[in-house]
Amino acid sequence: MALAKDRLYTTEDIYALPDGQRAELIDGSMYLMAHPKRIHQKFVHFLDVTIDNYIREKGGDCEVYPAPFAVFLSKDDRNYVEPDISVVCDREKLTEDGCSGAPDWIVEVVSPGSRRIDYYMELFKYRTAGVREYWIVDPDKERVTVYNFDEETVMEQTLSECVKSGIYDDLEIDFGSMQL
C-alpha cells in the first residue's frame, strides 16, 4: 500500500517507522509492507537454505540474505528495498546497514499486496540498478519468472519444475521438492 504522495520520502522516514512496521522506498514513494503469510515464509526459507547450501558446497564468495535485509539501490536516500532473498557476490557492497548497490541476484515471493510492485516497479528498478538476475516466485499462479538481465532473457516455469539459475552454471532449484 502506497502512502499519500504529498512529499518525497527518504530513508530517514523508513528508520522513523514504528517497530515492526516495514516499508520500501521507490523513487521517494513509500510502500508499506504487509506481514507475510506462512506460505510466503515457506518459500523464502526454502530458497534461502537451498541457495546458501549450494554456495557453501561450492566454496563460493557470494552471501545470501533473506528479508528483512536493507538494499540501497542507489546513492540517493530515496530508494530502499527489502527483497525476500538477496544474493551479494561483491562483499565491498556489504555494510553494517545492508547492501549498498545492486545485489547480483534477487528473488521476490509475490504476496497479494505486492503483485504490482514485484512485477513492475521493482523489476524496472532492479534492472536499471544493475541486478544480474531477478526471480519472481508467484505461489498463487504456481510459476517462477526468471529475468536474466545479463543475457536479456525471460523464462517462465511452473513450480513443479526445476528452475536453473543464470548466475550459476550448475544450480537448479527443484520447487517440486518443497513440502507445502
N, C-alpha and C. Protein backbone atom coordinates (compact mmCIF):
# COMPACT_ATOMS: atom_id res chain seq x y z
N MET A 1 0.84 -1.17 0.00
CA MET A 1 0.00 0.00 0.00
C MET A 1 0.89 1.24 0.00
N ALA A 2 0.69 2.10 -0.96
CA ALA A 2 1.49 3.32 -1.06
C ALA A 2 0.92 4.39 -0.12
N LEU A 3 1.82 5.13 0.49
CA LEU A 3 1.40 6.27 1.30
C LEU A 3 1.11 7.43 0.37
N ALA A 4 0.33 8.38 0.85
CA ALA A 4 -0.02 9.55 0.06
C ALA A 4 1.25 10.23 -0.46
N LYS A 5 1.18 10.67 -1.70
CA LYS A 5 2.35 11.25 -2.36
C LYS A 5 2.35 12.77 -2.16
N ASP A 6 2.24 13.21 -0.90
CA ASP A 6 2.26 14.64 -0.64
C ASP A 6 3.68 15.19 -0.55
N ARG A 7 4.64 14.27 -0.50
CA ARG A 7 6.04 14.67 -0.45
C ARG A 7 6.90 13.48 -0.82
N LEU A 8 8.19 13.72 -1.02
CA LEU A 8 9.12 12.63 -1.26
C LEU A 8 9.62 12.10 0.08
N TYR A 9 9.60 10.79 0.22
CA TYR A 9 10.07 10.16 1.44
C TYR A 9 11.54 9.78 1.27
N THR A 10 12.23 9.62 2.39
CA THR A 10 13.64 9.25 2.38
C THR A 10 13.87 8.08 3.34
N THR A 11 15.09 7.58 3.35
CA THR A 11 15.42 6.50 4.28
C THR A 11 15.24 6.95 5.73
N GLU A 12 15.36 8.23 5.99
CA GLU A 12 15.10 8.74 7.35
C GLU A 12 13.67 8.41 7.77
N ASP A 13 12.74 8.50 6.84
CA ASP A 13 11.34 8.15 7.13
C ASP A 13 11.18 6.65 7.40
N ILE A 14 11.96 5.84 6.68
CA ILE A 14 11.93 4.39 6.91
C ILE A 14 12.38 4.10 8.34
N TYR A 15 13.50 4.72 8.74
CA TYR A 15 14.04 4.47 10.08
C TYR A 15 13.13 5.01 11.18
N ALA A 16 12.24 5.94 10.85
CA ALA A 16 11.34 6.52 11.85
C ALA A 16 10.04 5.73 12.01
N LEU A 17 9.86 4.68 11.20
CA LEU A 17 8.64 3.88 11.31
C LEU A 17 8.58 3.18 12.68
N PRO A 18 7.37 2.93 13.17
CA PRO A 18 7.25 2.21 14.44
C PRO A 18 7.84 0.80 14.33
N ASP A 19 8.34 0.28 15.45
CA ASP A 19 8.88 -1.08 15.47
C ASP A 19 7.87 -2.06 14.88
N GLY A 20 8.37 -2.94 14.03
CA GLY A 20 7.52 -3.96 13.42
C GLY A 20 6.89 -3.53 12.10
N GLN A 21 6.87 -2.25 11.80
CA GLN A 21 6.33 -1.76 10.52
C GLN A 21 7.44 -1.70 9.50
N ARG A 22 7.23 -2.37 8.36
CA ARG A 22 8.23 -2.36 7.30
C ARG A 22 7.67 -1.65 6.08
N ALA A 23 8.58 -1.04 5.33
CA ALA A 23 8.19 -0.33 4.11
C ALA A 23 9.38 -0.32 3.17
N GLU A 24 9.09 -0.01 1.91
CA GLU A 24 10.13 0.17 0.90
C GLU A 24 9.95 1.54 0.28
N LEU A 25 11.05 2.06 -0.25
CA LEU A 25 11.03 3.34 -0.97
C LEU A 25 11.40 3.09 -2.41
N ILE A 26 10.61 3.62 -3.30
CA ILE A 26 10.93 3.57 -4.72
C ILE A 26 10.75 4.97 -5.26
N ASP A 27 11.86 5.58 -5.61
CA ASP A 27 11.88 6.95 -6.12
C ASP A 27 11.14 7.92 -5.20
N GLY A 28 11.32 7.77 -3.90
CA GLY A 28 10.74 8.68 -2.92
C GLY A 28 9.31 8.38 -2.52
N SER A 29 8.69 7.39 -3.14
CA SER A 29 7.35 6.96 -2.73
C SER A 29 7.50 5.82 -1.74
N MET A 30 6.75 5.88 -0.64
CA MET A 30 6.85 4.84 0.38
C MET A 30 5.70 3.85 0.23
N TYR A 31 6.05 2.57 0.29
CA TYR A 31 5.09 1.47 0.16
C TYR A 31 5.18 0.62 1.42
N LEU A 32 4.10 0.63 2.19
CA LEU A 32 4.05 -0.17 3.40
C LEU A 32 3.96 -1.64 3.03
N MET A 33 4.63 -2.48 3.80
CA MET A 33 4.66 -3.91 3.52
C MET A 33 3.79 -4.65 4.53
N ALA A 34 2.92 -5.51 4.02
CA ALA A 34 2.07 -6.32 4.89
C ALA A 34 2.92 -7.45 5.49
N HIS A 35 2.48 -7.96 6.62
CA HIS A 35 3.17 -9.09 7.21
C HIS A 35 2.97 -10.31 6.31
N PRO A 36 4.04 -11.05 6.05
CA PRO A 36 3.93 -12.18 5.13
C PRO A 36 3.12 -13.34 5.71
N LYS A 37 2.47 -14.06 4.84
CA LYS A 37 1.72 -15.26 5.22
C LYS A 37 2.68 -16.43 5.36
N ARG A 38 2.20 -17.51 5.94
CA ARG A 38 3.03 -18.70 6.17
C ARG A 38 3.61 -19.26 4.88
N ILE A 39 2.80 -19.36 3.82
CA ILE A 39 3.28 -19.94 2.57
C ILE A 39 4.42 -19.10 1.99
N HIS A 40 4.31 -17.79 2.11
CA HIS A 40 5.36 -16.88 1.67
C HIS A 40 6.66 -17.21 2.40
N GLN A 41 6.58 -17.37 3.70
CA GLN A 41 7.76 -17.66 4.51
C GLN A 41 8.35 -19.04 4.19
N LYS A 42 7.49 -20.00 3.84
CA LYS A 42 7.98 -21.33 3.44
C LYS A 42 8.87 -21.21 2.20
N PHE A 43 8.41 -20.44 1.23
CA PHE A 43 9.20 -20.25 0.00
C PHE A 43 10.51 -19.53 0.30
N VAL A 44 10.46 -18.48 1.11
CA VAL A 44 11.68 -17.73 1.43
C VAL A 44 12.67 -18.63 2.15
N HIS A 45 12.20 -19.39 3.11
CA HIS A 45 13.09 -20.29 3.85
C HIS A 45 13.70 -21.35 2.92
N PHE A 46 12.87 -21.95 2.08
CA PHE A 46 13.35 -22.97 1.15
C PHE A 46 14.44 -22.41 0.23
N LEU A 47 14.20 -21.23 -0.32
CA LEU A 47 15.17 -20.62 -1.22
C LEU A 47 16.45 -20.22 -0.49
N ASP A 48 16.31 -19.64 0.68
CA ASP A 48 17.46 -19.23 1.47
C ASP A 48 18.37 -20.43 1.77
N VAL A 49 17.78 -21.51 2.25
CA VAL A 49 18.55 -22.70 2.60
C VAL A 49 19.17 -23.34 1.36
N THR A 50 18.38 -23.46 0.30
CA THR A 50 18.86 -24.11 -0.93
C THR A 50 20.03 -23.34 -1.55
N ILE A 51 19.89 -22.03 -1.67
CA ILE A 51 20.94 -21.22 -2.28
C ILE A 51 22.17 -21.18 -1.38
N ASP A 52 21.96 -21.00 -0.08
CA ASP A 52 23.08 -20.95 0.85
C ASP A 52 23.86 -22.27 0.87
N ASN A 53 23.14 -23.39 0.89
CA ASN A 53 23.82 -24.71 0.85
C ASN A 53 24.65 -24.87 -0.42
N TYR A 54 24.09 -24.44 -1.54
CA TYR A 54 24.82 -24.52 -2.81
C TYR A 54 26.12 -23.72 -2.74
N ILE A 55 26.03 -22.48 -2.27
CA ILE A 55 27.22 -21.62 -2.20
C ILE A 55 28.26 -22.21 -1.26
N ARG A 56 27.81 -22.73 -0.12
CA ARG A 56 28.76 -23.34 0.84
C ARG A 56 29.45 -24.56 0.25
N GLU A 57 28.66 -25.43 -0.42
CA GLU A 57 29.24 -26.64 -1.02
C GLU A 57 30.27 -26.31 -2.09
N LYS A 58 30.05 -25.23 -2.81
CA LYS A 58 30.96 -24.84 -3.89
C LYS A 58 32.10 -23.96 -3.40
N GLY A 59 32.05 -23.55 -2.14
CA GLY A 59 33.08 -22.66 -1.62
C GLY A 59 33.03 -21.29 -2.25
N GLY A 60 31.82 -20.84 -2.58
CA GLY A 60 31.65 -19.57 -3.27
C GLY A 60 31.82 -18.36 -2.36
N ASP A 61 32.01 -17.22 -2.99
CA ASP A 61 32.20 -15.97 -2.26
C ASP A 61 30.90 -15.21 -2.02
N CYS A 62 29.84 -15.60 -2.68
CA CYS A 62 28.59 -14.88 -2.54
C CYS A 62 27.95 -15.17 -1.18
N GLU A 63 27.11 -14.24 -0.74
CA GLU A 63 26.38 -14.40 0.51
C GLU A 63 24.90 -14.21 0.24
N VAL A 64 24.08 -14.99 0.99
CA VAL A 64 22.63 -14.96 0.83
C VAL A 64 22.02 -14.29 2.06
N TYR A 65 21.10 -13.37 1.82
CA TYR A 65 20.42 -12.68 2.90
C TYR A 65 18.91 -12.70 2.67
N PRO A 66 18.17 -13.32 3.59
CA PRO A 66 16.71 -13.25 3.49
C PRO A 66 16.20 -11.95 4.12
N ALA A 67 14.99 -11.55 3.75
CA ALA A 67 14.37 -10.36 4.34
C ALA A 67 14.11 -10.61 5.82
N PRO A 68 14.15 -9.58 6.62
CA PRO A 68 14.44 -8.20 6.25
C PRO A 68 15.93 -7.93 6.12
N PHE A 69 16.32 -7.43 4.98
CA PHE A 69 17.71 -7.08 4.69
C PHE A 69 17.68 -5.85 3.79
N ALA A 70 18.26 -4.77 4.25
CA ALA A 70 18.19 -3.49 3.54
C ALA A 70 19.07 -3.47 2.31
N VAL A 71 18.49 -3.04 1.20
CA VAL A 71 19.24 -2.85 -0.04
C VAL A 71 19.03 -1.41 -0.49
N PHE A 72 20.13 -0.69 -0.57
CA PHE A 72 20.12 0.70 -1.02
C PHE A 72 20.56 0.67 -2.49
N LEU A 73 19.59 0.73 -3.39
CA LEU A 73 19.87 0.54 -4.81
C LEU A 73 20.67 1.66 -5.45
N SER A 74 20.59 2.84 -4.87
CA SER A 74 21.30 3.98 -5.44
C SER A 74 21.91 4.80 -4.32
N LYS A 75 22.73 5.74 -4.68
CA LYS A 75 23.42 6.55 -3.67
C LYS A 75 22.50 7.57 -3.03
N ASP A 76 21.34 7.85 -3.63
CA ASP A 76 20.42 8.80 -3.01
C ASP A 76 19.70 8.13 -1.83
N ASP A 77 18.93 8.89 -1.13
CA ASP A 77 18.22 8.36 0.03
C ASP A 77 16.73 8.13 -0.26
N ARG A 78 16.40 7.93 -1.54
CA ARG A 78 15.00 7.77 -1.93
C ARG A 78 14.68 6.39 -2.49
N ASN A 79 15.63 5.46 -2.39
CA ASN A 79 15.40 4.09 -2.86
C ASN A 79 15.95 3.11 -1.82
N TYR A 80 15.03 2.36 -1.25
CA TYR A 80 15.35 1.40 -0.20
C TYR A 80 14.39 0.24 -0.36
N VAL A 81 14.92 -0.96 -0.54
CA VAL A 81 14.06 -2.13 -0.70
C VAL A 81 14.53 -3.24 0.24
N GLU A 82 13.64 -4.18 0.49
CA GLU A 82 13.95 -5.36 1.29
C GLU A 82 13.51 -6.59 0.51
N PRO A 83 14.32 -7.03 -0.46
CA PRO A 83 13.95 -8.22 -1.24
C PRO A 83 13.81 -9.44 -0.33
N ASP A 84 12.99 -10.39 -0.77
CA ASP A 84 12.84 -11.61 0.03
C ASP A 84 14.15 -12.37 0.13
N ILE A 85 14.90 -12.43 -0.98
CA ILE A 85 16.22 -13.05 -1.00
C ILE A 85 17.16 -12.14 -1.79
N SER A 86 18.31 -11.85 -1.19
CA SER A 86 19.36 -11.08 -1.87
C SER A 86 20.62 -11.91 -1.87
N VAL A 87 21.22 -12.08 -3.05
CA VAL A 87 22.50 -12.77 -3.17
C VAL A 87 23.52 -11.72 -3.61
N VAL A 88 24.52 -11.51 -2.74
CA VAL A 88 25.51 -10.48 -2.97
C VAL A 88 26.88 -11.15 -3.14
N CYS A 89 27.51 -10.91 -4.29
CA CYS A 89 28.80 -11.53 -4.57
C CYS A 89 29.97 -10.56 -4.39
N ASP A 90 29.71 -9.29 -4.43
CA ASP A 90 30.74 -8.28 -4.21
C ASP A 90 30.65 -7.84 -2.75
N ARG A 91 31.51 -8.38 -1.92
CA ARG A 91 31.44 -8.11 -0.47
C ARG A 91 31.72 -6.65 -0.13
N GLU A 92 32.30 -5.91 -1.05
CA GLU A 92 32.54 -4.49 -0.80
C GLU A 92 31.23 -3.71 -0.76
N LYS A 93 30.16 -4.29 -1.28
CA LYS A 93 28.85 -3.65 -1.22
C LYS A 93 28.17 -3.82 0.14
N LEU A 94 28.68 -4.77 0.93
CA LEU A 94 28.06 -5.07 2.22
C LEU A 94 28.52 -4.08 3.28
N THR A 95 27.54 -3.54 4.01
CA THR A 95 27.81 -2.62 5.11
C THR A 95 27.08 -3.14 6.34
N GLU A 96 27.26 -2.48 7.45
CA GLU A 96 26.53 -2.85 8.66
C GLU A 96 25.02 -2.67 8.47
N ASP A 97 24.63 -1.77 7.57
CA ASP A 97 23.21 -1.49 7.34
C ASP A 97 22.57 -2.39 6.30
N GLY A 98 23.38 -3.09 5.50
CA GLY A 98 22.82 -3.95 4.45
C GLY A 98 23.71 -3.98 3.23
N CYS A 99 23.11 -3.74 2.07
CA CYS A 99 23.82 -3.78 0.80
C CYS A 99 23.73 -2.41 0.14
N SER A 100 24.87 -1.82 -0.16
CA SER A 100 24.93 -0.53 -0.82
C SER A 100 25.23 -0.76 -2.30
N GLY A 101 24.17 -0.76 -3.10
CA GLY A 101 24.29 -1.08 -4.52
C GLY A 101 23.45 -2.30 -4.84
N ALA A 102 23.51 -2.74 -6.07
CA ALA A 102 22.66 -3.84 -6.52
C ALA A 102 23.23 -5.20 -6.14
N PRO A 103 22.41 -6.06 -5.50
CA PRO A 103 22.81 -7.46 -5.34
C PRO A 103 22.92 -8.11 -6.72
N ASP A 104 23.60 -9.24 -6.79
CA ASP A 104 23.72 -9.95 -8.06
C ASP A 104 22.42 -10.65 -8.44
N TRP A 105 21.73 -11.16 -7.43
CA TRP A 105 20.51 -11.95 -7.67
C TRP A 105 19.50 -11.59 -6.60
N ILE A 106 18.29 -11.31 -7.04
CA ILE A 106 17.19 -11.01 -6.12
C ILE A 106 16.03 -11.94 -6.44
N VAL A 107 15.40 -12.45 -5.38
CA VAL A 107 14.20 -13.26 -5.52
C VAL A 107 13.10 -12.59 -4.70
N GLU A 108 11.96 -12.37 -5.32
CA GLU A 108 10.78 -11.87 -4.62
C GLU A 108 9.70 -12.94 -4.68
N VAL A 109 9.09 -13.23 -3.55
CA VAL A 109 7.94 -14.12 -3.48
C VAL A 109 6.71 -13.23 -3.43
N VAL A 110 5.84 -13.36 -4.40
CA VAL A 110 4.69 -12.47 -4.55
C VAL A 110 3.67 -12.74 -3.45
N SER A 111 3.21 -11.66 -2.86
CA SER A 111 2.08 -11.68 -1.94
C SER A 111 0.96 -10.90 -2.62
N PRO A 112 -0.30 -11.12 -2.23
CA PRO A 112 -1.38 -10.38 -2.89
C PRO A 112 -1.17 -8.87 -2.89
N GLY A 113 -0.62 -8.31 -1.84
CA GLY A 113 -0.43 -6.87 -1.77
C GLY A 113 0.82 -6.36 -2.48
N SER A 114 1.70 -7.26 -2.92
CA SER A 114 2.96 -6.82 -3.53
C SER A 114 3.02 -7.07 -5.04
N ARG A 115 1.96 -7.60 -5.60
CA ARG A 115 1.97 -8.01 -7.01
C ARG A 115 2.43 -6.90 -7.96
N ARG A 116 1.82 -5.72 -7.87
CA ARG A 116 2.15 -4.62 -8.77
C ARG A 116 3.61 -4.16 -8.57
N ILE A 117 4.03 -4.11 -7.33
CA ILE A 117 5.40 -3.69 -7.04
C ILE A 117 6.40 -4.71 -7.57
N ASP A 118 6.19 -6.00 -7.28
CA ASP A 118 7.13 -7.05 -7.69
C ASP A 118 7.23 -7.18 -9.21
N TYR A 119 6.08 -7.16 -9.89
CA TYR A 119 6.07 -7.41 -11.33
C TYR A 119 6.46 -6.19 -12.17
N TYR A 120 6.27 -5.00 -11.64
CA TYR A 120 6.50 -3.83 -12.48
C TYR A 120 7.54 -2.87 -11.90
N MET A 121 7.24 -2.30 -10.75
CA MET A 121 8.10 -1.25 -10.22
C MET A 121 9.49 -1.77 -9.86
N GLU A 122 9.55 -2.86 -9.10
CA GLU A 122 10.86 -3.38 -8.70
C GLU A 122 11.58 -4.00 -9.89
N LEU A 123 10.87 -4.61 -10.80
CA LEU A 123 11.50 -5.16 -12.00
C LEU A 123 12.32 -4.07 -12.70
N PHE A 124 11.72 -2.92 -12.91
CA PHE A 124 12.41 -1.82 -13.56
C PHE A 124 13.58 -1.31 -12.72
N LYS A 125 13.35 -1.12 -11.41
CA LYS A 125 14.40 -0.61 -10.53
C LYS A 125 15.58 -1.57 -10.46
N TYR A 126 15.30 -2.85 -10.33
CA TYR A 126 16.38 -3.83 -10.22
C TYR A 126 17.21 -3.87 -11.50
N ARG A 127 16.53 -3.86 -12.62
CA ARG A 127 17.25 -3.90 -13.90
C ARG A 127 18.15 -2.68 -14.06
N THR A 128 17.61 -1.51 -13.82
CA THR A 128 18.40 -0.28 -14.03
C THR A 128 19.49 -0.11 -12.97
N ALA A 129 19.32 -0.73 -11.80
CA ALA A 129 20.33 -0.62 -10.74
C ALA A 129 21.52 -1.54 -10.98
N GLY A 130 21.35 -2.56 -11.84
CA GLY A 130 22.46 -3.46 -12.13
C GLY A 130 22.34 -4.86 -11.56
N VAL A 131 21.15 -5.22 -11.07
CA VAL A 131 20.93 -6.60 -10.63
C VAL A 131 21.11 -7.50 -11.85
N ARG A 132 21.81 -8.61 -11.68
CA ARG A 132 22.08 -9.50 -12.81
C ARG A 132 20.91 -10.43 -13.10
N GLU A 133 20.23 -10.87 -12.04
CA GLU A 133 19.15 -11.84 -12.20
C GLU A 133 18.06 -11.55 -11.19
N TYR A 134 16.81 -11.65 -11.64
CA TYR A 134 15.65 -11.37 -10.78
C TYR A 134 14.61 -12.45 -10.99
N TRP A 135 14.23 -13.11 -9.89
CA TRP A 135 13.20 -14.13 -9.94
C TRP A 135 11.95 -13.62 -9.24
N ILE A 136 10.80 -13.87 -9.86
CA ILE A 136 9.52 -13.61 -9.22
C ILE A 136 8.85 -14.96 -9.03
N VAL A 137 8.72 -15.36 -7.77
CA VAL A 137 8.06 -16.61 -7.43
C VAL A 137 6.63 -16.26 -7.05
N ASP A 138 5.68 -16.81 -7.79
CA ASP A 138 4.26 -16.48 -7.59
C ASP A 138 3.49 -17.74 -7.18
N PRO A 139 3.32 -17.96 -5.87
CA PRO A 139 2.62 -19.16 -5.40
C PRO A 139 1.18 -19.26 -5.91
N ASP A 140 0.47 -18.12 -6.01
CA ASP A 140 -0.92 -18.15 -6.48
C ASP A 140 -1.02 -18.61 -7.93
N LYS A 141 -0.09 -18.17 -8.77
CA LYS A 141 -0.09 -18.56 -10.18
C LYS A 141 0.73 -19.81 -10.44
N GLU A 142 1.38 -20.31 -9.38
CA GLU A 142 2.21 -21.52 -9.45
C GLU A 142 3.26 -21.44 -10.55
N ARG A 143 3.97 -20.29 -10.56
CA ARG A 143 5.02 -20.12 -11.56
C ARG A 143 6.18 -19.30 -11.01
N VAL A 144 7.30 -19.43 -11.71
CA VAL A 144 8.50 -18.66 -11.43
C VAL A 144 8.88 -17.96 -12.72
N THR A 145 9.07 -16.66 -12.65
CA THR A 145 9.53 -15.89 -13.80
C THR A 145 10.97 -15.49 -13.53
N VAL A 146 11.85 -15.85 -14.44
CA VAL A 146 13.28 -15.59 -14.29
C VAL A 146 13.70 -14.54 -15.32
N TYR A 147 14.18 -13.41 -14.81
CA TYR A 147 14.71 -12.35 -15.65
C TYR A 147 16.23 -12.41 -15.53
N ASN A 148 16.90 -12.80 -16.60
CA ASN A 148 18.36 -12.82 -16.62
C ASN A 148 18.78 -11.58 -17.40
N PHE A 149 19.13 -10.54 -16.66
CA PHE A 149 19.45 -9.26 -17.29
C PHE A 149 20.80 -9.31 -18.01
N ASP A 150 21.71 -10.18 -17.58
CA ASP A 150 22.99 -10.32 -18.28
C ASP A 150 22.78 -10.80 -19.71
N GLU A 151 21.89 -11.78 -19.87
CA GLU A 151 21.64 -12.36 -21.19
C GLU A 151 20.39 -11.81 -21.86
N GLU A 152 19.71 -10.90 -21.17
CA GLU A 152 18.48 -10.28 -21.67
C GLU A 152 17.44 -11.32 -22.06
N THR A 153 17.20 -12.27 -21.15
CA THR A 153 16.20 -13.31 -21.38
C THR A 153 15.17 -13.30 -20.25
N VAL A 154 13.99 -13.80 -20.59
CA VAL A 154 12.91 -14.00 -19.62
C VAL A 154 12.40 -15.42 -19.82
N MET A 155 12.25 -16.13 -18.72
CA MET A 155 11.79 -17.52 -18.79
C MET A 155 10.72 -17.72 -17.71
N GLU A 156 9.64 -18.40 -18.07
CA GLU A 156 8.62 -18.75 -17.09
C GLU A 156 8.55 -20.25 -16.96
N GLN A 157 8.48 -20.71 -15.70
CA GLN A 157 8.36 -22.14 -15.43
C GLN A 157 7.33 -22.34 -14.31
N THR A 158 6.83 -23.55 -14.23
CA THR A 158 5.88 -23.85 -13.18
C THR A 158 6.63 -24.22 -11.91
N LEU A 159 5.91 -24.19 -10.80
CA LEU A 159 6.51 -24.55 -9.52
C LEU A 159 6.73 -26.05 -9.36
N SER A 160 6.36 -26.83 -10.35
CA SER A 160 6.63 -28.27 -10.30
C SER A 160 7.92 -28.62 -11.03
N GLU A 161 8.61 -27.62 -11.59
CA GLU A 161 9.81 -27.85 -12.37
C GLU A 161 11.07 -27.42 -11.62
N CYS A 162 12.21 -27.88 -12.12
CA CYS A 162 13.50 -27.37 -11.66
C CYS A 162 13.78 -26.08 -12.42
N VAL A 163 14.18 -25.06 -11.69
CA VAL A 163 14.45 -23.76 -12.31
C VAL A 163 15.95 -23.50 -12.21
N LYS A 164 16.56 -23.23 -13.36
CA LYS A 164 18.01 -23.04 -13.44
C LYS A 164 18.37 -21.58 -13.20
N SER A 165 19.39 -21.41 -12.39
CA SER A 165 19.91 -20.08 -12.14
C SER A 165 20.79 -19.64 -13.32
N GLY A 166 20.78 -18.37 -13.61
CA GLY A 166 21.61 -17.85 -14.68
C GLY A 166 22.99 -17.44 -14.20
N ILE A 167 23.12 -17.07 -12.93
CA ILE A 167 24.43 -16.62 -12.46
C ILE A 167 25.31 -17.77 -11.99
N TYR A 168 24.72 -18.96 -11.84
CA TYR A 168 25.49 -20.17 -11.51
C TYR A 168 25.23 -21.21 -12.59
N ASP A 169 26.30 -21.78 -13.11
CA ASP A 169 26.16 -22.74 -14.21
C ASP A 169 25.42 -24.02 -13.83
N ASP A 170 25.58 -24.47 -12.59
CA ASP A 170 25.05 -25.78 -12.23
C ASP A 170 24.06 -25.76 -11.07
N LEU A 171 23.42 -24.63 -10.82
CA LEU A 171 22.40 -24.56 -9.76
C LEU A 171 21.01 -24.62 -10.37
N GLU A 172 20.28 -25.65 -9.99
CA GLU A 172 18.87 -25.77 -10.34
C GLU A 172 18.09 -25.92 -9.05
N ILE A 173 17.01 -25.18 -8.94
CA ILE A 173 16.20 -25.26 -7.73
C ILE A 173 14.93 -26.04 -8.06
N ASP A 174 14.76 -27.12 -7.34
CA ASP A 174 13.63 -28.05 -7.56
C ASP A 174 12.48 -27.64 -6.65
N PHE A 175 11.62 -26.78 -7.15
CA PHE A 175 10.46 -26.34 -6.37
C PHE A 175 9.51 -27.48 -6.08
N GLY A 176 9.53 -28.50 -6.93
CA GLY A 176 8.67 -29.67 -6.72
C GLY A 176 9.03 -30.45 -5.47
N SER A 177 10.23 -30.24 -4.95
CA SER A 177 10.65 -30.94 -3.74
C SER A 177 10.21 -30.23 -2.45
N MET A 178 9.62 -29.07 -2.60
CA MET A 178 9.16 -28.33 -1.41
C MET A 178 8.00 -29.05 -0.74
N GLN A 179 8.04 -29.07 0.57
CA GLN A 179 6.94 -29.63 1.34
C GLN A 179 6.02 -28.47 1.72
N LEU A 180 4.90 -28.33 1.01
CA LEU A 180 3.98 -27.22 1.28
C LEU A 180 2.92 -27.58 2.27
